[in-house]
């Protein structure tokens, strides 16, 4: 399962800019990868972990702005079509299952 966080945060004042930066840094510290400047994505091992991340994000929301969180399956993630300029980028593979011995 994947969690995608999209946000539009105000940065008109110094305080708002700091809050937006703090939120982005929080997502990175939580293991999210920046897909685009205001879109972050992370792999979750299941619905329970997804819900735990949603609760943690909710506790760290900035005072202003719009934040949207989407959850989707591995199959849906593999079907995302990406472009870089005019050329299509290779599809990303889901991370393999971790094996511990």
N, C-alpha and C. Protein backbone atom coordinates (compact mmCIF):
# COMPACT_ATOMS: atom_id res chain seq x y z
N UNK A 1 0.85 -1.18 0.00
CA UNK A 1 0.00 0.00 0.00
C UNK A 1 0.89 1.24 0.00
N UNK A 2 0.40 2.30 -0.57
CA UNK A 2 1.13 3.56 -0.68
C UNK A 2 0.31 4.69 -0.08
N UNK A 3 1.01 5.67 0.49
CA UNK A 3 0.37 6.87 1.00
C UNK A 3 0.96 8.05 0.25
N UNK A 4 0.10 8.91 -0.26
CA UNK A 4 0.49 10.08 -1.01
C UNK A 4 -0.06 11.31 -0.30
N UNK A 5 0.82 12.25 0.03
CA UNK A 5 0.42 13.48 0.70
C UNK A 5 0.62 14.63 -0.27
N UNK A 6 -0.46 15.35 -0.55
CA UNK A 6 -0.41 16.52 -1.42
C UNK A 6 -0.82 17.72 -0.58
N UNK A 7 -0.14 18.83 -0.79
CA UNK A 7 -0.50 19.99 0.01
C UNK A 7 -0.25 21.28 -0.75
N UNK A 8 -1.02 22.29 -0.34
CA UNK A 8 -0.89 23.64 -0.85
C UNK A 8 -0.87 24.53 0.38
N UNK A 9 0.31 24.99 0.76
CA UNK A 9 0.48 25.76 1.98
C UNK A 9 0.85 27.20 1.65
N UNK A 10 0.30 28.14 2.39
CA UNK A 10 0.64 29.54 2.14
C UNK A 10 2.09 29.82 2.57
N UNK A 11 2.75 30.69 1.81
CA UNK A 11 4.13 31.07 2.12
C UNK A 11 4.31 32.59 1.97
N UNK A 12 3.24 33.32 2.17
CA UNK A 12 3.26 34.77 1.98
C UNK A 12 4.02 35.52 3.06
N UNK A 13 4.05 34.96 4.26
CA UNK A 13 4.79 35.60 5.34
C UNK A 13 5.94 34.70 5.77
N UNK A 14 6.84 35.27 6.52
CA UNK A 14 7.98 34.49 7.01
C UNK A 14 7.52 33.32 7.89
N UNK A 15 6.52 33.56 8.71
CA UNK A 15 5.97 32.54 9.59
C UNK A 15 5.34 31.39 8.79
N UNK A 16 4.56 31.75 7.77
CA UNK A 16 3.93 30.73 6.92
C UNK A 16 4.98 29.92 6.17
N UNK A 17 6.01 30.58 5.69
CA UNK A 17 7.08 29.89 4.98
C UNK A 17 7.80 28.91 5.91
N UNK A 18 8.04 29.32 7.12
CA UNK A 18 8.68 28.42 8.10
C UNK A 18 7.80 27.21 8.40
N UNK A 19 6.49 27.45 8.54
CA UNK A 19 5.56 26.35 8.81
C UNK A 19 5.53 25.35 7.65
N UNK A 20 5.55 25.86 6.42
CA UNK A 20 5.55 24.99 5.24
C UNK A 20 6.84 24.18 5.18
N UNK A 21 7.96 24.82 5.45
CA UNK A 21 9.25 24.11 5.45
C UNK A 21 9.28 23.06 6.54
N UNK A 22 8.78 23.40 7.70
CA UNK A 22 8.75 22.45 8.82
C UNK A 22 7.91 21.22 8.46
N UNK A 23 6.77 21.43 7.78
CA UNK A 23 5.92 20.31 7.39
C UNK A 23 6.62 19.43 6.36
N UNK A 24 7.26 20.03 5.36
CA UNK A 24 8.00 19.25 4.37
C UNK A 24 9.12 18.44 5.03
N UNK A 25 9.85 19.08 5.94
CA UNK A 25 10.93 18.38 6.64
C UNK A 25 10.39 17.26 7.52
N UNK A 26 9.22 17.46 8.11
CA UNK A 26 8.59 16.42 8.90
C UNK A 26 8.30 15.19 8.02
N UNK A 27 7.73 15.43 6.84
CA UNK A 27 7.44 14.31 5.94
C UNK A 27 8.72 13.56 5.56
N UNK A 28 9.78 14.27 5.26
CA UNK A 28 11.05 13.63 4.92
C UNK A 28 11.58 12.82 6.10
N UNK A 29 11.48 13.36 7.30
CA UNK A 29 11.92 12.65 8.50
C UNK A 29 11.11 11.39 8.74
N UNK A 30 9.87 11.38 8.28
CA UNK A 30 9.00 10.21 8.43
C UNK A 30 9.24 9.17 7.33
N UNK A 31 10.17 9.45 6.44
CA UNK A 31 10.51 8.48 5.39
C UNK A 31 9.80 8.68 4.07
N UNK A 32 9.14 9.82 3.92
CA UNK A 32 8.47 10.11 2.65
C UNK A 32 9.51 10.56 1.63
N UNK A 33 9.21 10.32 0.37
CA UNK A 33 10.05 10.73 -0.75
C UNK A 33 9.32 11.83 -1.51
N UNK A 34 10.05 12.88 -1.86
CA UNK A 34 9.42 13.96 -2.60
C UNK A 34 9.22 13.54 -4.06
N UNK A 35 7.97 13.49 -4.49
CA UNK A 35 7.65 13.18 -5.88
C UNK A 35 7.65 14.46 -6.70
N UNK A 36 7.04 15.50 -6.17
CA UNK A 36 7.07 16.86 -6.69
C UNK A 36 7.15 17.78 -5.47
N UNK A 37 7.30 19.06 -5.68
CA UNK A 37 7.56 19.95 -4.55
C UNK A 37 6.52 19.83 -3.44
N UNK A 38 5.27 19.69 -3.77
CA UNK A 38 4.22 19.59 -2.74
C UNK A 38 3.52 18.24 -2.76
N UNK A 39 4.21 17.22 -3.25
CA UNK A 39 3.65 15.87 -3.29
C UNK A 39 4.70 14.90 -2.77
N UNK A 40 4.33 14.19 -1.72
CA UNK A 40 5.25 13.25 -1.08
C UNK A 40 4.60 11.87 -1.03
N UNK A 41 5.41 10.84 -1.18
CA UNK A 41 4.89 9.48 -1.25
C UNK A 41 5.73 8.56 -0.37
N UNK A 42 5.09 7.53 0.16
CA UNK A 42 5.78 6.57 1.01
C UNK A 42 5.08 5.23 0.92
N UNK A 43 5.88 4.16 0.96
CA UNK A 43 5.34 2.81 0.98
C UNK A 43 4.91 2.46 2.40
N UNK A 44 3.77 1.81 2.52
CA UNK A 44 3.27 1.32 3.80
C UNK A 44 3.07 -0.19 3.69
N UNK A 45 3.31 -0.90 4.77
CA UNK A 45 3.19 -2.36 4.72
C UNK A 45 1.74 -2.84 4.77
N UNK A 46 0.82 -1.96 5.05
CA UNK A 46 -0.59 -2.36 5.07
C UNK A 46 -1.48 -1.23 5.55
N UNK A 47 -2.75 -1.55 5.66
CA UNK A 47 -3.75 -0.55 6.05
C UNK A 47 -3.49 0.01 7.45
N UNK A 48 -3.03 -0.82 8.37
CA UNK A 48 -2.77 -0.36 9.72
C UNK A 48 -1.65 0.67 9.75
N UNK A 49 -0.58 0.41 9.01
CA UNK A 49 0.52 1.37 8.97
C UNK A 49 0.09 2.65 8.25
N UNK A 50 -0.71 2.51 7.21
CA UNK A 50 -1.25 3.68 6.51
C UNK A 50 -2.04 4.56 7.49
N UNK A 51 -2.92 3.96 8.25
CA UNK A 51 -3.73 4.71 9.21
C UNK A 51 -2.88 5.35 10.30
N UNK A 52 -1.81 4.67 10.71
CA UNK A 52 -0.90 5.23 11.72
C UNK A 52 -0.21 6.48 11.17
N UNK A 53 0.22 6.43 9.91
CA UNK A 53 0.84 7.61 9.30
C UNK A 53 -0.15 8.76 9.18
N UNK A 54 -1.38 8.46 8.83
CA UNK A 54 -2.40 9.51 8.73
C UNK A 54 -2.57 10.20 10.09
N UNK A 55 -2.63 9.42 11.16
CA UNK A 55 -2.78 10.00 12.50
C UNK A 55 -1.57 10.86 12.87
N UNK A 56 -0.35 10.38 12.53
CA UNK A 56 0.86 11.15 12.86
C UNK A 56 0.92 12.44 12.06
N UNK A 57 0.53 12.37 10.79
CA UNK A 57 0.51 13.59 9.96
C UNK A 57 -0.51 14.57 10.54
N UNK A 58 -1.66 14.05 10.94
CA UNK A 58 -2.70 14.91 11.49
C UNK A 58 -2.21 15.67 12.73
N UNK A 59 -1.37 15.03 13.53
CA UNK A 59 -0.82 15.69 14.72
C UNK A 59 0.23 16.74 14.38
N UNK A 60 0.73 16.75 13.14
CA UNK A 60 1.79 17.67 12.74
C UNK A 60 1.36 18.63 11.63
N UNK A 61 0.07 18.83 11.46
CA UNK A 61 -0.42 19.72 10.42
C UNK A 61 -0.08 21.17 10.73
N UNK A 62 0.26 21.95 9.70
CA UNK A 62 0.42 23.39 9.91
C UNK A 62 -0.94 24.03 10.15
N UNK A 63 -0.93 25.24 10.70
CA UNK A 63 -2.18 25.92 11.04
C UNK A 63 -3.02 26.29 9.82
N UNK A 64 -2.36 26.59 8.70
CA UNK A 64 -3.08 27.04 7.49
C UNK A 64 -2.71 26.15 6.31
N UNK A 65 -3.57 26.16 5.30
CA UNK A 65 -3.28 25.44 4.07
C UNK A 65 -4.17 24.22 3.88
N UNK A 66 -4.05 23.62 2.72
CA UNK A 66 -4.82 22.43 2.35
C UNK A 66 -3.89 21.24 2.23
N UNK A 67 -4.26 20.15 2.88
CA UNK A 67 -3.48 18.91 2.81
C UNK A 67 -4.45 17.79 2.44
N UNK A 68 -4.07 17.00 1.44
CA UNK A 68 -4.86 15.86 1.00
C UNK A 68 -3.99 14.62 1.13
N UNK A 69 -4.59 13.54 1.65
CA UNK A 69 -3.87 12.28 1.80
C UNK A 69 -4.64 11.21 1.04
N UNK A 70 -3.92 10.49 0.19
CA UNK A 70 -4.52 9.42 -0.60
C UNK A 70 -3.81 8.10 -0.28
N UNK A 71 -4.56 7.04 -0.27
CA UNK A 71 -3.99 5.71 -0.13
C UNK A 71 -4.31 4.90 -1.37
N UNK A 72 -3.35 4.14 -1.85
CA UNK A 72 -3.62 3.29 -3.01
C UNK A 72 -2.74 2.05 -2.98
N UNK A 73 -3.14 1.06 -3.76
CA UNK A 73 -2.50 -0.25 -3.74
C UNK A 73 -1.21 -0.27 -4.56
N UNK A 74 -0.46 -1.35 -4.40
CA UNK A 74 0.77 -1.53 -5.17
C UNK A 74 0.49 -1.54 -6.67
N UNK A 75 -0.56 -2.20 -7.07
CA UNK A 75 -0.91 -2.30 -8.49
C UNK A 75 -1.22 -0.91 -9.05
N UNK A 76 -1.97 -0.12 -8.31
CA UNK A 76 -2.28 1.24 -8.75
C UNK A 76 -1.01 2.08 -8.85
N UNK A 77 -0.09 1.90 -7.91
CA UNK A 77 1.17 2.64 -7.93
C UNK A 77 1.99 2.27 -9.17
N UNK A 78 2.04 1.00 -9.51
CA UNK A 78 2.79 0.56 -10.69
C UNK A 78 2.21 1.12 -11.98
N UNK A 79 0.92 1.45 -11.98
CA UNK A 79 0.26 1.95 -13.19
C UNK A 79 0.34 3.46 -13.36
N UNK A 80 1.05 4.14 -12.46
CA UNK A 80 1.22 5.58 -12.60
C UNK A 80 2.10 5.85 -13.83
N UNK A 81 1.65 6.75 -14.68
CA UNK A 81 2.42 7.13 -15.87
C UNK A 81 3.12 8.45 -15.56
N UNK A 82 4.44 8.47 -15.79
CA UNK A 82 5.25 9.66 -15.47
C UNK A 82 5.89 10.21 -16.74
N UNK A 83 5.97 11.53 -16.80
CA UNK A 83 6.64 12.19 -17.90
C UNK A 83 7.68 13.14 -17.35
N UNK A 84 8.77 13.25 -18.08
CA UNK A 84 9.81 14.22 -17.78
C UNK A 84 10.00 15.03 -19.05
N UNK A 85 9.47 16.25 -19.06
CA UNK A 85 9.47 17.01 -20.32
C UNK A 85 8.53 16.32 -21.29
N UNK A 86 9.04 16.02 -22.48
CA UNK A 86 8.23 15.37 -23.50
C UNK A 86 8.40 13.86 -23.53
N UNK A 87 9.26 13.32 -22.68
CA UNK A 87 9.51 11.88 -22.74
C UNK A 87 8.91 11.16 -21.54
N UNK A 88 8.48 9.95 -21.80
CA UNK A 88 7.88 9.12 -20.76
C UNK A 88 8.99 8.49 -19.94
N UNK A 89 8.81 8.49 -18.64
CA UNK A 89 9.80 7.89 -17.74
C UNK A 89 9.43 6.44 -17.47
N UNK A 90 10.44 5.67 -17.10
CA UNK A 90 10.19 4.27 -16.75
C UNK A 90 9.28 4.19 -15.53
N UNK A 91 8.46 3.15 -15.51
CA UNK A 91 7.59 2.96 -14.37
C UNK A 91 8.42 2.54 -13.17
N UNK A 92 8.03 3.01 -12.01
CA UNK A 92 8.71 2.62 -10.78
C UNK A 92 8.21 1.26 -10.35
N UNK A 93 9.10 0.49 -9.79
CA UNK A 93 8.73 -0.80 -9.23
C UNK A 93 8.46 -0.64 -7.75
N UNK A 94 7.58 -1.46 -7.25
CA UNK A 94 7.32 -1.47 -5.82
C UNK A 94 8.55 -2.03 -5.11
N UNK A 95 8.80 -1.58 -3.89
CA UNK A 95 9.94 -2.14 -3.17
C UNK A 95 9.69 -3.61 -2.89
N UNK A 96 10.75 -4.40 -2.99
CA UNK A 96 10.62 -5.83 -2.72
C UNK A 96 10.38 -6.10 -1.25
N UNK A 97 9.88 -7.27 -0.98
CA UNK A 97 9.63 -7.64 0.42
C UNK A 97 10.95 -7.88 1.10
N UNK A 98 11.09 -7.37 2.29
CA UNK A 98 12.32 -7.47 3.05
C UNK A 98 12.41 -8.86 3.67
N UNK A 99 13.53 -9.53 3.45
CA UNK A 99 13.75 -10.85 4.03
C UNK A 99 14.86 -10.76 5.06
N UNK A 100 14.57 -11.20 6.26
CA UNK A 100 15.55 -11.22 7.34
C UNK A 100 15.93 -12.66 7.65
N UNK A 101 17.22 -12.87 7.80
CA UNK A 101 17.68 -14.24 8.10
C UNK A 101 18.32 -14.28 9.45
